[in-house]
Amino acid sequence: MLMIAIGLLSAGVGALFARSRWQAARRSFRRTSSLSATTAEGWDSWFLGGFSEVTMGIRRLSTVLAWLVLTLAGTWFVGAGIRLFAN
């Protein structure tokens, strides 16, 4: 029973962690893209715009990966707990 609870807790923590990281990535993107919009046209603007998009993409990819790992760990714990409880 404890393994099932740990699995559910892991999946819940993964979802909360992913949500907060996703919002942080969005705030960071808005901050950097607004800085890009205030700079003069040219290489500086292009670099800041590209940098903000790449940074947001990497952050979102790491967020999805962390959520997936925690969810899979939670699923494994729930499955192991059910198998242990059934035997």
PDB file of N, CA and C in Angstrom:
ATOM      1  N   MET A   1       0.817  -1.194   0.000  1.00  0.00           N
ATOM      2  CA  MET A   1       0.000   0.000   0.000  1.00  0.00           C
ATOM      3  C   MET A   1       0.865   1.263   0.000  1.00  0.00           C
ATOM      4  N   LEU A   2       1.994   1.183   0.699  1.00  0.00           N
ATOM      5  CA  LEU A   2       2.903   2.322   0.763  1.00  0.00           C
ATOM      6  C   LEU A   2       3.493   2.626  -0.611  1.00  0.00           C
ATOM      7  N   MET A   3       3.789   1.583  -1.384  1.00  0.00           N
ATOM      8  CA  MET A   3       4.356   1.789  -2.720  1.00  0.00           C
ATOM      9  C   MET A   3       3.359   2.479  -3.637  1.00  0.00           C
ATOM     10  N   ILE A   4       2.099   2.143  -3.517  1.00  0.00           N
ATOM     11  CA  ILE A   4       1.066   2.792  -4.328  1.00  0.00           C
ATOM     12  C   ILE A   4       0.964   4.270  -3.948  1.00  0.00           C
ATOM     13  N   ALA A   5       1.020   4.563  -2.659  1.00  0.00           N
ATOM     14  CA  ALA A   5       0.965   5.957  -2.210  1.00  0.00           C
ATOM     15  C   ALA A   5       2.188   6.731  -2.699  1.00  0.00           C
ATOM     16  N   ILE A   6       3.363   6.104  -2.652  1.00  0.00           N
ATOM     17  CA  ILE A   6       4.577   6.753  -3.145  1.00  0.00           C
ATOM     18  C   ILE A   6       4.460   7.018  -4.642  1.00  0.00           C
ATOM     19  N   GLY A   7       3.904   6.077  -5.381  1.00  0.00           N
ATOM     20  CA  GLY A   7       3.716   6.254  -6.817  1.00  0.00           C
ATOM     21  C   GLY A   7       2.774   7.394  -7.138  1.00  0.00           C
ATOM     22  N   LEU A   8       1.667   7.469  -6.429  1.00  0.00           N
ATOM     23  CA  LEU A   8       0.722   8.566  -6.646  1.00  0.00           C
ATOM     24  C   LEU A   8       1.332   9.904  -6.246  1.00  0.00           C
ATOM     25  N   LEU A   9       2.102   9.906  -5.170  1.00  0.00           N
ATOM     26  CA  LEU A   9       2.773  11.132  -4.740  1.00  0.00           C
ATOM     27  C   LEU A   9       3.801  11.574  -5.779  1.00  0.00           C
ATOM     28  N   SER A  10       4.542  10.631  -6.324  1.00  0.00           N
ATOM     29  CA  SER A  10       5.535  10.953  -7.341  1.00  0.00           C
ATOM     30  C   SER A  10       4.890  11.555  -8.587  1.00  0.00           C
ATOM     31  N   ALA A  11       3.800  10.971  -9.025  1.00  0.00           N
ATOM     32  CA  ALA A  11       3.104  11.508 -10.200  1.00  0.00           C
ATOM     33  C   ALA A  11       2.534  12.895  -9.921  1.00  0.00           C
ATOM     34  N   GLY A  12       2.002  13.110  -8.726  1.00  0.00           N
ATOM     35  CA  GLY A  12       1.471  14.413  -8.363  1.00  0.00           C
ATOM     36  C   GLY A  12       2.557  15.476  -8.272  1.00  0.00           C
ATOM     37  N   VAL A  13       3.679  15.116  -7.674  1.00  0.00           N
ATOM     38  CA  VAL A  13       4.803  16.056  -7.589  1.00  0.00           C
ATOM     39  C   VAL A  13       5.323  16.372  -8.977  1.00  0.00           C
ATOM     40  N   GLY A  14       5.361  15.373  -9.841  1.00  0.00           N
ATOM     41  CA  GLY A  14       5.805  15.601 -11.219  1.00  0.00           C
ATOM     42  C   GLY A  14       4.911  16.586 -11.947  1.00  0.00           C
ATOM     43  N   ALA A  15       3.613  16.464 -11.764  1.00  0.00           N
ATOM     44  CA  ALA A  15       2.678  17.380 -12.421  1.00  0.00           C
ATOM     45  C   ALA A  15       2.819  18.801 -11.881  1.00  0.00           C
ATOM     46  N   LEU A  16       2.948  18.949 -10.569  1.00  0.00           N
ATOM     47  CA  LEU A  16       3.108  20.278  -9.980  1.00  0.00           C
ATOM     48  C   LEU A  16       4.440  20.903 -10.384  1.00  0.00           C
ATOM     49  N   PHE A  17       5.498  20.101 -10.404  1.00  0.00           N
ATOM     50  CA  PHE A  17       6.815  20.583 -10.799  1.00  0.00           C
ATOM     51  C   PHE A  17       6.796  21.047 -12.250  1.00  0.00           C
ATOM     52  N   ALA A  18       6.169  20.257 -13.114  1.00  0.00           N
ATOM     53  CA  ALA A  18       6.115  20.607 -14.539  1.00  0.00           C
ATOM     54  C   ALA A  18       5.318  21.892 -14.752  1.00  0.00           C
ATOM     55  N   ARG A  19       4.232  22.052 -14.026  1.00  0.00           N
ATOM     56  CA  ARG A  19       3.422  23.260 -14.175  1.00  0.00           C
ATOM     57  C   ARG A  19       4.193  24.510 -13.763  1.00  0.00           C
ATOM     58  N   SER A  20       4.901  24.436 -12.652  1.00  0.00           N
ATOM     59  CA  SER A  20       5.652  25.609 -12.195  1.00  0.00           C
ATOM     60  C   SER A  20       6.826  25.909 -13.123  1.00  0.00           C
ATOM     61  N   ARG A  21       7.506  24.883 -13.628  1.00  0.00           N
ATOM     62  CA  ARG A  21       8.616  25.106 -14.563  1.00  0.00           C
ATOM     63  C   ARG A  21       8.110  25.664 -15.893  1.00  0.00           C
ATOM     64  N   TRP A  22       6.944  25.210 -16.345  1.00  0.00           N
ATOM     65  CA  TRP A  22       6.367  25.708 -17.596  1.00  0.00           C
ATOM     66  C   TRP A  22       6.050  27.200 -17.473  1.00  0.00           C
ATOM     67  N   GLN A  23       5.479  27.592 -16.340  1.00  0.00           N
ATOM     68  CA  GLN A  23       5.172  29.003 -16.116  1.00  0.00           C
ATOM     69  C   GLN A  23       6.445  29.833 -16.009  1.00  0.00           C
ATOM     70  N   ALA A  24       7.484  29.287 -15.390  1.00  0.00           N
ATOM     71  CA  ALA A  24       8.759  30.002 -15.290  1.00  0.00           C
ATOM     72  C   ALA A  24       9.375  30.192 -16.673  1.00  0.00           C
ATOM     73  N   ALA A  25       9.267  29.189 -17.520  1.00  0.00           N
ATOM     74  CA  ALA A  25       9.787  29.318 -18.883  1.00  0.00           C
ATOM     75  C   ALA A  25       9.018  30.386 -19.652  1.00  0.00           C
ATOM     76  N   ARG A  26       7.725  30.432 -19.469  1.00  0.00           N
ATOM     77  CA  ARG A  26       6.913  31.444 -20.151  1.00  0.00           C
ATOM     78  C   ARG A  26       7.264  32.850 -19.685  1.00  0.00           C
ATOM     79  N   ARG A  27       7.452  33.028 -18.366  1.00  0.00           N
ATOM     80  CA  ARG A  27       7.837  34.345 -17.839  1.00  0.00           C
ATOM     81  C   ARG A  27       9.208  34.763 -18.361  1.00  0.00           C
ATOM     82  N   SER A  28      10.134  33.826 -18.377  1.00  0.00           N
ATOM     83  CA  SER A  28      11.476  34.129 -18.879  1.00  0.00           C
ATOM     84  C   SER A  28      11.436  34.504 -20.352  1.00  0.00           C
ATOM     85  N   PHE A  29      10.623  33.808 -21.129  1.00  0.00           N
ATOM     86  CA  PHE A  29      10.495  34.119 -22.556  1.00  0.00           C
ATOM     87  C   PHE A  29       9.909  35.508 -22.755  1.00  0.00           C
ATOM     88  N   ARG A  30       8.880  35.833 -21.997  1.00  0.00           N
ATOM     89  CA  ARG A  30       8.262  37.157 -22.127  1.00  0.00           C
ATOM     90  C   ARG A  30       9.250  38.264 -21.767  1.00  0.00           C
ATOM     91  N   ARG A  31      10.026  38.035 -20.712  1.00  0.00           N
ATOM     92  CA  ARG A  31      10.995  39.034 -20.281  1.00  0.00           C
ATOM     93  C   ARG A  31      12.064  39.250 -21.353  1.00  0.00           C
ATOM     94  N   THR A  32      12.595  38.164 -21.895  1.00  0.00           N
ATOM     95  CA  THR A  32      13.652  38.295 -22.895  1.00  0.00           C
ATOM     96  C   THR A  32      13.107  38.824 -24.210  1.00  0.00           C
ATOM     97  N   SER A  33      11.919  38.388 -24.603  1.00  0.00           N
ATOM     98  CA  SER A  33      11.361  38.875 -25.862  1.00  0.00           C
ATOM     99  C   SER A  33      10.951  40.345 -25.761  1.00  0.00           C
ATOM    100  N   SER A  34      10.527  40.789 -24.586  1.00  0.00           N
ATOM    101  CA  SER A  34      10.214  42.215 -24.434  1.00  0.00           C
ATOM    102  C   SER A  34      11.490  43.040 -24.503  1.00  0.00           C
ATOM    103  N   LEU A  35      12.585  42.515 -23.991  1.00  0.00           N
ATOM    104  CA  LEU A  35      13.872  43.194 -24.112  1.00  0.00           C
ATOM    105  C   LEU A  35      14.295  43.262 -25.575  1.00  0.00           C
ATOM    106  N   SER A  36      14.017  42.195 -26.303  1.00  0.00           N
ATOM    107  CA  SER A  36      14.341  42.157 -27.727  1.00  0.00           C
ATOM    108  C   SER A  36      13.519  43.181 -28.498  1.00  0.00           C
ATOM    109  N   ALA A  37      12.279  43.376 -28.102  1.00  0.00           N
ATOM    110  CA  ALA A  37      11.409  44.326 -28.806  1.00  0.00           C
ATOM    111  C   ALA A  37      11.832  45.770 -28.566  1.00  0.00           C
ATOM    112  N   THR A  38      12.467  46.047 -27.440  1.00  0.00           N
ATOM    113  CA  THR A  38      12.864  47.420 -27.141  1.00  0.00           C
ATOM    114  C   THR A  38      14.204  47.795 -27.757  1.00  0.00           C
ATOM    115  N   THR A  39      14.983  46.821 -28.177  1.00  0.00           N
ATOM    116  CA  THR A  39      16.269  47.144 -28.800  1.00  0.00           C
ATOM    117  C   THR A  39      16.052  47.552 -30.247  1.00  0.00           C
ATOM    118  N   ALA A  40      17.033  48.240 -30.769  1.00  0.00           N
ATOM    119  CA  ALA A  40      16.946  48.685 -32.165  1.00  0.00           C
ATOM    120  C   ALA A  40      17.044  47.469 -33.087  1.00  0.00           C
ATOM    121  N   GLU A  41      16.474  47.601 -34.260  1.00  0.00           N
ATOM    122  CA  GLU A  41      16.532  46.518 -35.239  1.00  0.00           C
ATOM    123  C   GLU A  41      17.989  46.257 -35.623  1.00  0.00           C
ATOM    124  N   GLY A  42      18.289  45.026 -35.851  1.00  0.00           N
ATOM    125  CA  GLY A  42      19.646  44.665 -36.233  1.00  0.00           C
ATOM    126  C   GLY A  42      20.036  43.357 -35.576  1.00  0.00           C
ATOM    127  N   TRP A  43      21.327  43.149 -35.465  1.00  0.00           N
ATOM    128  CA  TRP A  43      21.824  41.898 -34.911  1.00  0.00           C
ATOM    129  C   TRP A  43      21.445  41.717 -33.455  1.00  0.00           C
ATOM    130  N   ASP A  44      21.428  42.776 -32.679  1.00  0.00           N
ATOM    131  CA  ASP A  44      21.078  42.663 -31.261  1.00  0.00           C
ATOM    132  C   ASP A  44      19.660  42.139 -31.089  1.00  0.00           C
ATOM    133  N   SER A  45      18.750  42.696 -31.824  1.00  0.00           N
ATOM    134  CA  SER A  45      17.356  42.266 -31.752  1.00  0.00           C
ATOM    135  C   SER A  45      17.200  40.828 -32.229  1.00  0.00           C
ATOM    136  N   TRP A  46      17.881  40.518 -33.313  1.00  0.00           N
ATOM    137  CA  TRP A  46      17.804  39.150 -33.849  1.00  0.00           C
ATOM    138  C   TRP A  46      18.363  38.146 -32.860  1.00  0.00           C
ATOM    139  N   PHE A  47      19.503  38.473 -32.249  1.00  0.00           N
ATOM    140  CA  PHE A  47      20.142  37.565 -31.292  1.00  0.00           C
ATOM    141  C   PHE A  47      19.266  37.353 -30.065  1.00  0.00           C
ATOM    142  N   LEU A  48      18.744  38.442 -29.496  1.00  0.00           N
ATOM    143  CA  LEU A  48      17.906  38.312 -28.300  1.00  0.00           C
ATOM    144  C   LEU A  48      16.625  37.546 -28.598  1.00  0.00           C
ATOM    145  N   GLY A  49      16.015  37.791 -29.761  1.00  0.00           N
ATOM    146  CA  GLY A  49      14.801  37.056 -30.118  1.00  0.00           C
ATOM    147  C   GLY A  49      15.073  35.574 -30.291  1.00  0.00           C
ATOM    148  N   GLY A  50      16.141  35.249 -30.989  1.00  0.00           N
ATOM    149  CA  GLY A  50      16.501  33.846 -31.174  1.00  0.00           C
ATOM    150  C   GLY A  50      16.902  33.178 -29.881  1.00  0.00           C
ATOM    151  N   PHE A  51      17.639  33.907 -29.060  1.00  0.00           N
ATOM    152  CA  PHE A  51      18.066  33.366 -27.771  1.00  0.00           C
ATOM    153  C   PHE A  51      16.873  33.062 -26.875  1.00  0.00           C
ATOM    154  N   SER A  52      15.891  33.945 -26.853  1.00  0.00           N
ATOM    155  CA  SER A  52      14.725  33.717 -25.993  1.00  0.00           C
ATOM    156  C   SER A  52      13.923  32.513 -26.473  1.00  0.00           C
ATOM    157  N   GLU A  53      13.821  32.334 -27.778  1.00  0.00           N
ATOM    158  CA  GLU A  53      13.084  31.177 -28.294  1.00  0.00           C
ATOM    159  C   GLU A  53      13.816  29.869 -28.020  1.00  0.00           C
ATOM    160  N   VAL A  54      15.126  29.857 -28.185  1.00  0.00           N
ATOM    161  CA  VAL A  54      15.909  28.649 -27.910  1.00  0.00           C
ATOM    162  C   VAL A  54      15.873  28.314 -26.421  1.00  0.00           C
ATOM    163  N   THR A  55      16.008  29.328 -25.595  1.00  0.00           N
ATOM    164  CA  THR A  55      15.970  29.100 -24.152  1.00  0.00           C
ATOM    165  C   THR A  55      14.618  28.543 -23.720  1.00  0.00           C
ATOM    166  N   MET A  56      13.538  29.102 -24.250  1.00  0.00           N
ATOM    167  CA  MET A  56      12.220  28.601 -23.893  1.00  0.00           C
ATOM    168  C   MET A  56      12.044  27.162 -24.363  1.00  0.00           C
ATOM    169  N   GLY A  57      12.522  26.851 -25.564  1.00  0.00           N
ATOM    170  CA  GLY A  57      12.410  25.489 -26.068  1.00  0.00           C
ATOM    171  C   GLY A  57      13.168  24.491 -25.205  1.00  0.00           C
ATOM    172  N   ILE A  58      14.371  24.854 -24.785  1.00  0.00           N
ATOM    173  CA  ILE A  58      15.166  23.963 -23.932  1.00  0.00           C
ATOM    174  C   ILE A  58      14.514  23.794 -22.574  1.00  0.00           C
ATOM    175  N   ARG A  59      14.020  24.876 -22.015  1.00  0.00           N
ATOM    176  CA  ARG A  59      13.346  24.774 -20.715  1.00  0.00           C
ATOM    177  C   ARG A  59      12.091  23.917 -20.797  1.00  0.00           C
ATOM    178  N   ARG A  60      11.321  24.091 -21.855  1.00  0.00           N
ATOM    179  CA  ARG A  60      10.107  23.286 -21.992  1.00  0.00           C
ATOM    180  C   ARG A  60      10.440  21.822 -22.226  1.00  0.00           C
ATOM    181  N   LEU A  61      11.482  21.552 -22.987  1.00  0.00           N
ATOM    182  CA  LEU A  61      11.903  20.171 -23.212  1.00  0.00           C
ATOM    183  C   LEU A  61      12.362  19.520 -21.915  1.00  0.00           C
ATOM    184  N   SER A  62      13.134  20.236 -21.109  1.00  0.00           N
ATOM    185  CA  SER A  62      13.569  19.679 -19.828  1.00  0.00           C
ATOM    186  C   SER A  62      12.392  19.497 -18.872  1.00  0.00           C
ATOM    187  N   THR A  63      11.408  20.386 -18.950  1.00  0.00           N
ATOM    188  CA  THR A  63      10.213  20.256 -18.109  1.00  0.00           C
ATOM    189  C   THR A  63       9.428  19.009 -18.468  1.00  0.00           C
ATOM    190  N   VAL A  64       9.240  18.782 -19.760  1.00  0.00           N
ATOM    191  CA  VAL A  64       8.501  17.595 -20.200  1.00  0.00           C
ATOM    192  C   VAL A  64       9.267  16.332 -19.830  1.00  0.00           C
ATOM    193  N   LEU A  65      10.582  16.355 -19.961  1.00  0.00           N
ATOM    194  CA  LEU A  65      11.390  15.191 -19.615  1.00  0.00           C
ATOM    195  C   LEU A  65      11.300  14.886 -18.119  1.00  0.00           C
ATOM    196  N   ALA A  66      11.392  15.915 -17.279  1.00  0.00           N
ATOM    197  CA  ALA A  66      11.280  15.706 -15.834  1.00  0.00           C
ATOM    198  C   ALA A  66       9.892  15.181 -15.465  1.00  0.00           C
ATOM    199  N   TRP A  67       8.857  15.730 -16.079  1.00  0.00           N
ATOM    200  CA  TRP A  67       7.495  15.250 -15.818  1.00  0.00           C
ATOM    201  C   TRP A  67       7.354  13.789 -16.235  1.00  0.00           C
ATOM    202  N   LEU A  68       7.916  13.441 -17.387  1.00  0.00           N
ATOM    203  CA  LEU A  68       7.828  12.071 -17.874  1.00  0.00           C
ATOM    204  C   LEU A  68       8.550  11.106 -16.946  1.00  0.00           C
ATOM    205  N   VAL A  69       9.736  11.479 -16.479  1.00  0.00           N
ATOM    206  CA  VAL A  69      10.495  10.610 -15.574  1.00  0.00           C
ATOM    207  C   VAL A  69       9.732  10.399 -14.268  1.00  0.00           C
ATOM    208  N   LEU A  70       9.212  11.473 -13.685  1.00  0.00           N
ATOM    209  CA  LEU A  70       8.479  11.339 -12.429  1.00  0.00           C
ATOM    210  C   LEU A  70       7.181  10.552 -12.608  1.00  0.00           C
ATOM    211  N   THR A  71       6.516  10.742 -13.731  1.00  0.00           N
ATOM    212  CA  THR A  71       5.283   9.994 -13.980  1.00  0.00           C
ATOM    213  C   THR A  71       5.568   8.512 -14.196  1.00  0.00           C
ATOM    214  N   LEU A  72       6.624   8.210 -14.936  1.00  0.00           N
ATOM    215  CA  LEU A  72       6.992   6.806 -15.140  1.00  0.00           C
ATOM    216  C   LEU A  72       7.431   6.146 -13.837  1.00  0.00           C
ATOM    217  N   ALA A  73       8.161   6.888 -13.003  1.00  0.00           N
ATOM    218  CA  ALA A  73       8.540   6.346 -11.700  1.00  0.00           C
ATOM    219  C   ALA A  73       7.294   6.088 -10.850  1.00  0.00           C
ATOM    220  N   GLY A  74       6.355   7.025 -10.886  1.00  0.00           N
ATOM    221  CA  GLY A  74       5.108   6.828 -10.148  1.00  0.00           C
ATOM    222  C   GLY A  74       4.317   5.645 -10.661  1.00  0.00           C
ATOM    223  N   THR A  75       4.270   5.487 -11.976  1.00  0.00           N
ATOM    224  CA  THR A  75       3.571   4.345 -12.564  1.00  0.00           C
ATOM    225  C   THR A  75       4.229   3.034 -12.164  1.00  0.00           C
ATOM    226  N   TRP A  76       5.569   3.030 -12.155  1.00  0.00           N
ATOM    227  CA  TRP A  76       6.276   1.820 -11.751  1.00  0.00           C
ATOM    228  C   TRP A  76       5.978   1.477 -10.303  1.00  0.00           C
ATOM    229  N   PHE A  77       6.009   2.483  -9.411  1.00  0.00           N
ATOM    230  CA  PHE A  77       5.719   2.233  -8.003  1.00  0.00           C
ATOM    231  C   PHE A  77       4.289   1.731  -7.809  1.00  0.00           C
ATOM    232  N   VAL A  78       3.337   2.298  -8.514  1.00  0.00           N
ATOM    233  CA  VAL A  78       1.951   1.837  -8.390  1.00  0.00           C
ATOM    234  C   VAL A  78       1.844   0.396  -8.874  1.00  0.00           C
ATOM    235  N   GLY A  79       2.440   0.099 -10.018  1.00  0.00           N
ATOM    236  CA  GLY A  79       2.403  -1.269 -10.539  1.00  0.00           C
ATOM    237  C   GLY A  79       3.079  -2.260  -9.617  1.00  0.00           C
ATOM    238  N   ALA A  80       4.243  -1.886  -9.068  1.00  0.00           N
ATOM    239  CA  ALA A  80       4.941  -2.775  -8.145  1.00  0.00           C
ATOM    240  C   ALA A  80       4.136  -2.962  -6.866  1.00  0.00           C
ATOM    241  N   GLY A  81       3.505  -1.898  -6.392  1.00  0.00           N
ATOM    242  CA  GLY A  81       2.681  -2.012  -5.195  1.00  0.00           C
ATOM    243  C   GLY A  81       1.480  -2.910  -5.407  1.00  0.00           C
ATOM    244  N   ILE A  82       0.856  -2.814  -6.575  1.00  0.00           N
ATOM    245  CA  ILE A  82      -0.294  -3.667  -6.874  1.00  0.00           C
ATOM    246  C   ILE A  82       0.144  -5.132  -6.958  1.00  0.00           C
ATOM    247  N   ARG A  83       1.289  -5.364  -7.649  1.00  0.00           N
ATOM    248  CA  ARG A  83       1.789  -6.745  -7.759  1.00  0.00           C
ATOM    249  C   ARG A  83       2.148  -7.296  -6.382  1.00  0.00           C
ATOM    250  N   LEU A  84       2.772  -6.478  -5.540  1.00  0.00           N
ATOM    251  CA  LEU A  84       3.159  -6.922  -4.205  1.00  0.00           C
ATOM    252  C   LEU A  84       1.930  -7.166  -3.344  1.00  0.00           C
ATOM    253  N   PHE A  85       0.935  -6.316  -3.472  1.00  0.00           N
ATOM    254  CA  PHE A  85      -0.294  -6.446  -2.689  1.00  0.00           C
ATOM    255  C   PHE A  85      -1.112  -7.656  -3.149  1.00  0.00           C
ATOM    256  N   ALA A  86      -1.063  -7.954  -4.460  1.00  0.00           N
ATOM    257  CA  ALA A  86      -1.844  -9.079  -4.986  1.00  0.00           C
ATOM    258  C   ALA A  86      -1.247 -10.421  -4.597  1.00  0.00           C
ATOM    259  N   ASN A  87       0.053 -10.454  -4.369  1.00  0.00           N
ATOM    260  CA  ASN A  87       0.692 -11.740  -4.004  1.00  0.00           C
ATOM    261  C   ASN A  87       0.578 -11.994  -2.568  1.00  0.00           C
TER     262      ASN A  87
END
